[in-house]
Amino acid sequence: KPAAYRYLNETVEAFPYGGAFCEKMEQAGF
């Protein structure tokens, strides 16, 4: 299923990480 692992690459590169994701957690109330 090569499409599944192309999806992995696309979602990882697009997803907020580091400080940006920490901000999301704080905004949620953590």
PDB file of all heavy atoms in Angstrom:
ATOM      1  N   LYS A   1       0.841  -1.200   0.000  1.00  0.00           N
ATOM      2  CA  LYS A   1       0.000   0.000   0.000  1.00  0.00           C
ATOM      3  C   LYS A   1       0.876   1.250   0.000  1.00  0.00           C
ATOM      4  O   LYS A   1       1.007   1.937   1.022  1.00  0.00           O
ATOM      5  CB  LYS A   1      -0.921   0.003   1.229  1.00  0.00           C
ATOM      6  CG  LYS A   1      -1.830  -1.199   1.341  1.00  0.00           C
ATOM      7  CD  LYS A   1      -2.879  -1.221   0.233  1.00  0.00           C
ATOM      8  CE  LYS A   1      -3.791  -2.427   0.370  1.00  0.00           C
ATOM      9  NZ  LYS A   1      -4.808  -2.479  -0.712  1.00  0.00           N
ATOM     10  N   PRO A   2       1.512   1.585  -1.114  1.00  0.00           N
ATOM     11  CA  PRO A   2       2.408   2.745  -1.149  1.00  0.00           C
ATOM     12  C   PRO A   2       1.720   4.051  -0.797  1.00  0.00           C
ATOM     13  O   PRO A   2       2.348   4.948  -0.232  1.00  0.00           O
ATOM     14  CB  PRO A   2       2.925   2.753  -2.591  1.00  0.00           C
ATOM     15  CG  PRO A   2       1.945   1.934  -3.366  1.00  0.00           C
ATOM     16  CD  PRO A   2       1.440   0.899  -2.425  1.00  0.00           C
ATOM     17  N   ALA A   3       0.424   4.177  -1.091  1.00  0.00           N
ATOM     18  CA  ALA A   3      -0.282   5.425  -0.789  1.00  0.00           C
ATOM     19  C   ALA A   3      -0.285   5.715   0.709  1.00  0.00           C
ATOM     20  O   ALA A   3      -0.256   6.874   1.131  1.00  0.00           O
ATOM     21  CB  ALA A   3      -1.713   5.359  -1.308  1.00  0.00           C
ATOM     22  N   ALA A   4      -0.306   4.667   1.520  1.00  0.00           N
ATOM     23  CA  ALA A   4      -0.324   4.850   2.971  1.00  0.00           C
ATOM     24  C   ALA A   4       0.944   5.525   3.453  1.00  0.00           C
ATOM     25  O   ALA A   4       0.912   6.356   4.364  1.00  0.00           O
ATOM     26  CB  ALA A   4      -0.495   3.499   3.660  1.00  0.00           C
ATOM     27  N   TYR A   5       2.063   5.211   2.829  1.00  0.00           N
ATOM     28  CA  TYR A   5       3.332   5.770   3.286  1.00  0.00           C
ATOM     29  C   TYR A   5       3.657   7.093   2.613  1.00  0.00           C
ATOM     30  O   TYR A   5       4.461   7.866   3.124  1.00  0.00           O
ATOM     31  CB  TYR A   5       4.429   4.705   3.156  1.00  0.00           C
ATOM     32  CG  TYR A   5       4.152   3.603   4.147  1.00  0.00           C
ATOM     33  CD1 TYR A   5       3.392   2.487   3.784  1.00  0.00           C
ATOM     34  CD2 TYR A   5       4.540   3.731   5.470  1.00  0.00           C
ATOM     35  CE1 TYR A   5       3.066   1.510   4.719  1.00  0.00           C
ATOM     36  CE2 TYR A   5       4.223   2.765   6.406  1.00  0.00           C
ATOM     37  CZ  TYR A   5       3.486   1.660   6.030  1.00  0.00           C
ATOM     38  OH  TYR A   5       3.137   0.719   6.963  1.00  0.00           O
ATOM     39  N   ARG A   6       3.014   7.382   1.510  1.00  0.00           N
ATOM     40  CA  ARG A   6       3.058   8.754   0.989  1.00  0.00           C
ATOM     41  C   ARG A   6       2.245   9.661   1.902  1.00  0.00           C
ATOM     42  O   ARG A   6       2.628  10.808   2.162  1.00  0.00           O
ATOM     43  CB  ARG A   6       2.507   8.805  -0.440  1.00  0.00           C
ATOM     44  CG  ARG A   6       3.427   8.169  -1.490  1.00  0.00           C
ATOM     45  CD  ARG A   6       3.023   8.582  -2.897  1.00  0.00           C
ATOM     46  NE  ARG A   6       1.687   8.095  -3.239  1.00  0.00           N
ATOM     47  CZ  ARG A   6       1.442   6.910  -3.794  1.00  0.00           C
ATOM     48  NH1 ARG A   6       2.443   6.082  -4.050  1.00  0.00           N
ATOM     49  NH2 ARG A   6       0.210   6.543  -4.090  1.00  0.00           N
ATOM     50  N   TYR A   7       1.136   9.154   2.413  1.00  0.00           N
ATOM     51  CA  TYR A   7       0.312   9.910   3.363  1.00  0.00           C
ATOM     52  C   TYR A   7       1.122  10.243   4.614  1.00  0.00           C
ATOM     53  O   TYR A   7       1.050  11.358   5.136  1.00  0.00           O
ATOM     54  CB  TYR A   7      -0.918   9.084   3.731  1.00  0.00           C
ATOM     55  CG  TYR A   7      -1.729   9.653   4.871  1.00  0.00           C
ATOM     56  CD1 TYR A   7      -2.762  10.553   4.637  1.00  0.00           C
ATOM     57  CD2 TYR A   7      -1.464   9.282   6.193  1.00  0.00           C
ATOM     58  CE1 TYR A   7      -3.502  11.075   5.681  1.00  0.00           C
ATOM     59  CE2 TYR A   7      -2.200   9.805   7.240  1.00  0.00           C
ATOM     60  CZ  TYR A   7      -3.219  10.694   6.979  1.00  0.00           C
ATOM     61  OH  TYR A   7      -3.942  11.215   8.023  1.00  0.00           O
ATOM     62  N   LEU A   8       1.903   9.288   5.097  1.00  0.00           N
ATOM     63  CA  LEU A   8       2.741   9.514   6.276  1.00  0.00           C
ATOM     64  C   LEU A   8       3.662  10.704   6.057  1.00  0.00           C
ATOM     65  O   LEU A   8       3.739  11.622   6.884  1.00  0.00           O
ATOM     66  CB  LEU A   8       3.565   8.262   6.569  1.00  0.00           C
ATOM     67  CG  LEU A   8       4.665   8.402   7.638  1.00  0.00           C
ATOM     68  CD1 LEU A   8       4.047   8.663   9.001  1.00  0.00           C
ATOM     69  CD2 LEU A   8       5.536   7.155   7.674  1.00  0.00           C
ATOM     70  N   ASN A   9       4.353  10.708   4.945  1.00  0.00           N
ATOM     71  CA  ASN A   9       5.266  11.805   4.626  1.00  0.00           C
ATOM     72  C   ASN A   9       4.535  13.145   4.578  1.00  0.00           C
ATOM     73  O   ASN A   9       4.983  14.144   5.152  1.00  0.00           O
ATOM     74  CB  ASN A   9       5.955  11.504   3.296  1.00  0.00           C
ATOM     75  CG  ASN A   9       6.528  12.734   2.631  1.00  0.00           C
ATOM     76  OD1 ASN A   9       6.131  13.082   1.523  1.00  0.00           O
ATOM     77  ND2 ASN A   9       7.433  13.424   3.296  1.00  0.00           N
ATOM     78  N   GLU A  10       3.412  13.184   3.898  1.00  0.00           N
ATOM     79  CA  GLU A  10       2.672  14.440   3.721  1.00  0.00           C
ATOM     80  C   GLU A  10       2.161  14.999   5.042  1.00  0.00           C
ATOM     81  O   GLU A  10       2.246  16.197   5.308  1.00  0.00           O
ATOM     82  CB  GLU A  10       1.510  14.214   2.751  1.00  0.00           C
ATOM     83  CG  GLU A  10       1.965  13.921   1.321  1.00  0.00           C
ATOM     84  CD  GLU A  10       0.837  13.385   0.456  1.00  0.00           C
ATOM     85  OE1 GLU A  10      -0.281  13.197   1.011  1.00  0.00           O
ATOM     86  OE2 GLU A  10       1.057  13.134  -0.736  1.00  0.00           O
ATOM     87  N   THR A  11       1.624  14.130   5.895  1.00  0.00           N
ATOM     88  CA  THR A  11       1.062  14.617   7.151  1.00  0.00           C
ATOM     89  C   THR A  11       2.141  15.061   8.122  1.00  0.00           C
ATOM     90  O   THR A  11       1.951  16.041   8.849  1.00  0.00           O
ATOM     91  CB  THR A  11       0.185  13.532   7.816  1.00  0.00           C
ATOM     92  OG1 THR A  11       0.941  12.327   7.963  1.00  0.00           O
ATOM     93  CG2 THR A  11      -1.063  13.261   6.991  1.00  0.00           C
ATOM     94  N   VAL A  12       3.255  14.376   8.157  1.00  0.00           N
ATOM     95  CA  VAL A  12       4.330  14.772   9.076  1.00  0.00           C
ATOM     96  C   VAL A  12       4.878  16.140   8.712  1.00  0.00           C
ATOM     97  O   VAL A  12       5.084  17.001   9.576  1.00  0.00           O
ATOM     98  CB  VAL A  12       5.452  13.719   9.085  1.00  0.00           C
ATOM     99  CG1 VAL A  12       6.685  14.246   9.829  1.00  0.00           C
ATOM    100  CG2 VAL A  12       4.968  12.425   9.721  1.00  0.00           C
ATOM    101  N   GLU A  13       5.113  16.372   7.435  1.00  0.00           N
ATOM    102  CA  GLU A  13       5.690  17.652   7.022  1.00  0.00           C
ATOM    103  C   GLU A  13       4.722  18.811   7.210  1.00  0.00           C
ATOM    104  O   GLU A  13       5.139  19.960   7.360  1.00  0.00           O
ATOM    105  CB  GLU A  13       6.153  17.566   5.563  1.00  0.00           C
ATOM    106  CG  GLU A  13       7.357  16.656   5.371  1.00  0.00           C
ATOM    107  CD  GLU A  13       8.016  16.858   4.025  1.00  0.00           C
ATOM    108  OE1 GLU A  13       8.292  18.019   3.662  1.00  0.00           O
ATOM    109  OE2 GLU A  13       8.253  15.850   3.332  1.00  0.00           O
ATOM    110  N   ALA A  14       3.426  18.533   7.194  1.00  0.00           N
ATOM    111  CA  ALA A  14       2.445  19.604   7.308  1.00  0.00           C
ATOM    112  C   ALA A  14       2.030  19.894   8.744  1.00  0.00           C
ATOM    113  O   ALA A  14       1.481  20.956   9.031  1.00  0.00           O
ATOM    114  CB  ALA A  14       1.196  19.253   6.491  1.00  0.00           C
ATOM    115  N   PHE A  15       2.305  18.969   9.658  1.00  0.00           N
ATOM    116  CA  PHE A  15       1.766  19.084  11.011  1.00  0.00           C
ATOM    117  C   PHE A  15       2.600  20.035  11.872  1.00  0.00           C
ATOM    118  O   PHE A  15       3.828  20.009  11.825  1.00  0.00           O
ATOM    119  CB  PHE A  15       1.728  17.703  11.663  1.00  0.00           C
ATOM    120  CG  PHE A  15       0.874  17.636  12.889  1.00  0.00           C
ATOM    121  CD1 PHE A  15      -0.509  17.665  12.786  1.00  0.00           C
ATOM    122  CD2 PHE A  15       1.445  17.555  14.146  1.00  0.00           C
ATOM    123  CE1 PHE A  15      -1.311  17.609  13.913  1.00  0.00           C
ATOM    124  CE2 PHE A  15       0.654  17.496  15.277  1.00  0.00           C
ATOM    125  CZ  PHE A  15      -0.724  17.525  15.161  1.00  0.00           C
ATOM    126  N   PRO A  16       1.951  20.885  12.692  1.00  0.00           N
ATOM    127  CA  PRO A  16       2.700  21.786  13.574  1.00  0.00           C
ATOM    128  C   PRO A  16       3.452  20.997  14.646  1.00  0.00           C
ATOM    129  O   PRO A  16       2.920  20.032  15.199  1.00  0.00           O
ATOM    130  CB  PRO A  16       1.607  22.664  14.196  1.00  0.00           C
ATOM    131  CG  PRO A  16       0.360  21.854  14.098  1.00  0.00           C
ATOM    132  CD  PRO A  16       0.495  21.069  12.822  1.00  0.00           C
ATOM    133  N   TYR A  17       4.667  21.400  14.924  1.00  0.00           N
ATOM    134  CA  TYR A  17       5.464  20.686  15.915  1.00  0.00           C
ATOM    135  C   TYR A  17       6.242  21.688  16.766  1.00  0.00           C
ATOM    136  O   TYR A  17       6.235  22.894  16.501  1.00  0.00           O
ATOM    137  CB  TYR A  17       6.420  19.691  15.241  1.00  0.00           C
ATOM    138  CG  TYR A  17       7.480  20.330  14.375  1.00  0.00           C
ATOM    139  CD1 TYR A  17       8.753  20.600  14.886  1.00  0.00           C
ATOM    140  CD2 TYR A  17       7.222  20.683  13.056  1.00  0.00           C
ATOM    141  CE1 TYR A  17       9.728  21.187  14.094  1.00  0.00           C
ATOM    142  CE2 TYR A  17       8.186  21.263  12.261  1.00  0.00           C
ATOM    143  CZ  TYR A  17       9.444  21.513  12.787  1.00  0.00           C
ATOM    144  OH  TYR A  17      10.395  22.110  12.003  1.00  0.00           O
ATOM    145  N   GLY A  18       6.893  21.192  17.791  1.00  0.00           N
ATOM    146  CA  GLY A  18       7.661  22.061  18.669  1.00  0.00           C
ATOM    147  C   GLY A  18       6.778  23.082  19.363  1.00  0.00           C
ATOM    148  O   GLY A  18       5.728  22.765  19.910  1.00  0.00           O
ATOM    149  N   GLY A  19       7.218  24.340  19.318  1.00  0.00           N
ATOM    150  CA  GLY A  19       6.498  25.412  19.981  1.00  0.00           C
ATOM    151  C   GLY A  19       5.083  25.583  19.489  1.00  0.00           C
ATOM    152  O   GLY A  19       4.173  25.909  20.269  1.00  0.00           O
ATOM    153  N   ALA A  20       4.852  25.348  18.205  1.00  0.00           N
ATOM    154  CA  ALA A  20       3.504  25.515  17.649  1.00  0.00           C
ATOM    155  C   ALA A  20       2.534  24.508  18.246  1.00  0.00           C
ATOM    156  O   ALA A  20       1.379  24.848  18.555  1.00  0.00           O
ATOM    157  CB  ALA A  20       3.538  25.378  16.126  1.00  0.00           C
ATOM    158  N   PHE A  21       2.993  23.276  18.433  1.00  0.00           N
ATOM    159  CA  PHE A  21       2.087  22.288  19.025  1.00  0.00           C
ATOM    160  C   PHE A  21       1.922  22.529  20.523  1.00  0.00           C
ATOM    161  O   PHE A  21       0.833  22.305  21.070  1.00  0.00           O
ATOM    162  CB  PHE A  21       2.577  20.865  18.765  1.00  0.00           C
ATOM    163  CG  PHE A  21       1.556  19.833  19.152  1.00  0.00           C
ATOM    164  CD1 PHE A  21       0.439  19.628  18.370  1.00  0.00           C
ATOM    165  CD2 PHE A  21       1.700  19.103  20.314  1.00  0.00           C
ATOM    166  CE1 PHE A  21      -0.532  18.696  18.736  1.00  0.00           C
ATOM    167  CE2 PHE A  21       0.741  18.175  20.689  1.00  0.00           C
ATOM    168  CZ  PHE A  21      -0.379  17.971  19.896  1.00  0.00           C
ATOM    169  N   CYS A  22       2.970  22.980  21.181  1.00  0.00           N
ATOM    170  CA  CYS A  22       2.848  23.332  22.602  1.00  0.00           C
ATOM    171  C   CYS A  22       1.783  24.409  22.793  1.00  0.00           C
ATOM    172  O   CYS A  22       0.990  24.360  23.753  1.00  0.00           O
ATOM    173  CB  CYS A  22       4.189  23.821  23.147  1.00  0.00           C
ATOM    174  SG  CYS A  22       5.417  22.515  23.388  1.00  0.00           S
ATOM    175  N   GLU A  23       1.737  25.372  21.882  1.00  0.00           N
ATOM    176  CA  GLU A  23       0.717  26.420  21.951  1.00  0.00           C
ATOM    177  C   GLU A  23      -0.682  25.829  21.831  1.00  0.00           C
ATOM    178  O   GLU A  23      -1.613  26.257  22.528  1.00  0.00           O
ATOM    179  CB  GLU A  23       0.947  27.457  20.856  1.00  0.00           C
ATOM    180  CG  GLU A  23       2.152  28.353  21.089  1.00  0.00           C
ATOM    181  CD  GLU A  23       2.352  29.351  19.976  1.00  0.00           C
ATOM    182  OE1 GLU A  23       1.432  29.498  19.136  1.00  0.00           O
ATOM    183  OE2 GLU A  23       3.417  29.985  19.939  1.00  0.00           O
ATOM    184  N   LYS A  24      -0.839  24.849  20.957  1.00  0.00           N
ATOM    185  CA  LYS A  24      -2.147  24.201  20.811  1.00  0.00           C
ATOM    186  C   LYS A  24      -2.564  23.526  22.120  1.00  0.00           C
ATOM    187  O   LYS A  24      -3.726  23.592  22.531  1.00  0.00           O
ATOM    188  CB  LYS A  24      -2.114  23.169  19.683  1.00  0.00           C
ATOM    189  CG  LYS A  24      -2.248  23.769  18.283  1.00  0.00           C
ATOM    190  CD  LYS A  24      -2.377  22.688  17.250  1.00  0.00           C
ATOM    191  CE  LYS A  24      -2.789  23.257  15.894  1.00  0.00           C
ATOM    192  NZ  LYS A  24      -4.165  23.794  15.913  1.00  0.00           N
ATOM    193  N   MET A  25      -1.630  22.863  22.771  1.00  0.00           N
ATOM    194  CA  MET A  25      -1.939  22.213  24.033  1.00  0.00           C
ATOM    195  C   MET A  25      -2.332  23.238  25.100  1.00  0.00           C
ATOM    196  O   MET A  25      -3.278  23.033  25.864  1.00  0.00           O
ATOM    197  CB  MET A  25      -0.752  21.366  24.507  1.00  0.00           C
ATOM    198  CG  MET A  25      -0.470  20.152  23.643  1.00  0.00           C
ATOM    199  SD  MET A  25       0.851  19.093  24.315  1.00  0.00           S
ATOM    200  CE  MET A  25       0.062  18.425  25.798  1.00  0.00           C
ATOM    201  N   GLU A  26      -1.606  24.333  25.134  1.00  0.00           N
ATOM    202  CA  GLU A  26      -1.922  25.381  26.110  1.00  0.00           C
ATOM    203  C   GLU A  26      -3.280  26.008  25.834  1.00  0.00           C
ATOM    204  O   GLU A  26      -4.062  26.273  26.761  1.00  0.00           O
ATOM    205  CB  GLU A  26      -0.818  26.437  26.088  1.00  0.00           C
ATOM    206  CG  GLU A  26       0.504  25.930  26.665  1.00  0.00           C
ATOM    207  CD  GLU A  26       1.672  26.851  26.368  1.00  0.00           C
ATOM    208  OE1 GLU A  26       1.495  27.789  25.549  1.00  0.00           O
ATOM    209  OE2 GLU A  26       2.751  26.627  26.944  1.00  0.00           O
ATOM    210  N   GLN A  27      -3.590  26.216  24.571  1.00  0.00           N
ATOM    211  CA  GLN A  27      -4.888  26.781  24.211  1.00  0.00           C
ATOM    212  C   GLN A  27      -6.027  25.835  24.584  1.00  0.00           C
ATOM    213  O   GLN A  27      -7.146  26.275  24.886  1.00  0.00           O
ATOM    214  CB  GLN A  27      -4.927  27.101  22.715  1.00  0.00           C
ATOM    215  CG  GLN A  27      -4.045  28.276  22.326  1.00  0.00           C
ATOM    216  CD  GLN A  27      -3.827  28.384  20.829  1.00  0.00           C
ATOM    217  OE1 GLN A  27      -4.376  27.602  20.050  1.00  0.00           O
ATOM    218  NE2 GLN A  27      -3.016  29.347  20.409  1.00  0.00           N
ATOM    219  N   ALA A  28      -5.761  24.529  24.567  1.00  0.00           N
ATOM    220  CA  ALA A  28      -6.774  23.547  24.946  1.00  0.00           C
ATOM    221  C   ALA A  28      -6.992  23.517  26.453  1.00  0.00           C
ATOM    222  O   ALA A  28      -7.996  22.965  26.922  1.00  0.00           O
ATOM    223  CB  ALA A  28      -6.371  22.163  24.455  1.00  0.00           C
ATOM    224  N   GLY A  29      -6.046  24.093  27.210  1.00  0.00           N
ATOM    225  CA  GLY A  29      -6.201  24.158  28.655  1.00  0.00           C
ATOM    226  C   GLY A  29      -5.141  23.453  29.467  1.00  0.00           C
ATOM    227  O   GLY A  29      -5.189  23.454  30.697  1.00  0.00           O
ATOM    228  N   PHE A  30      -4.157  22.841  28.806  1.00  0.00           N
ATOM    229  CA  PHE A  30      -3.093  22.157  29.539  1.00  0.00           C
ATOM    230  C   PHE A  30      -2.127  23.150  30.160  1.00  0.00           C
ATOM    231  O   PHE A  30      -1.873  24.223  29.605  1.00  0.00           O
ATOM    232  CB  PHE A  30      -2.331  21.213  28.605  1.00  0.00           C
ATOM    233  CG  PHE A  30      -3.099  19.978  28.227  1.00  0.00           C
ATOM    234  CD1 PHE A  30      -3.730  19.893  26.998  1.00  0.00           C
ATOM    235  CD2 PHE A  30      -3.196  18.918  29.107  1.00  0.00           C
ATOM    236  CE1 PHE A  30      -4.452  18.764  26.643  1.00  0.00           C
ATOM    237  CE2 PHE A  30      -3.913  17.779  28.765  1.00  0.00           C
ATOM    238  CZ  PHE A  30      -4.541  17.707  27.529  1.00  0.00           C
TER     239      PHE A  30
END
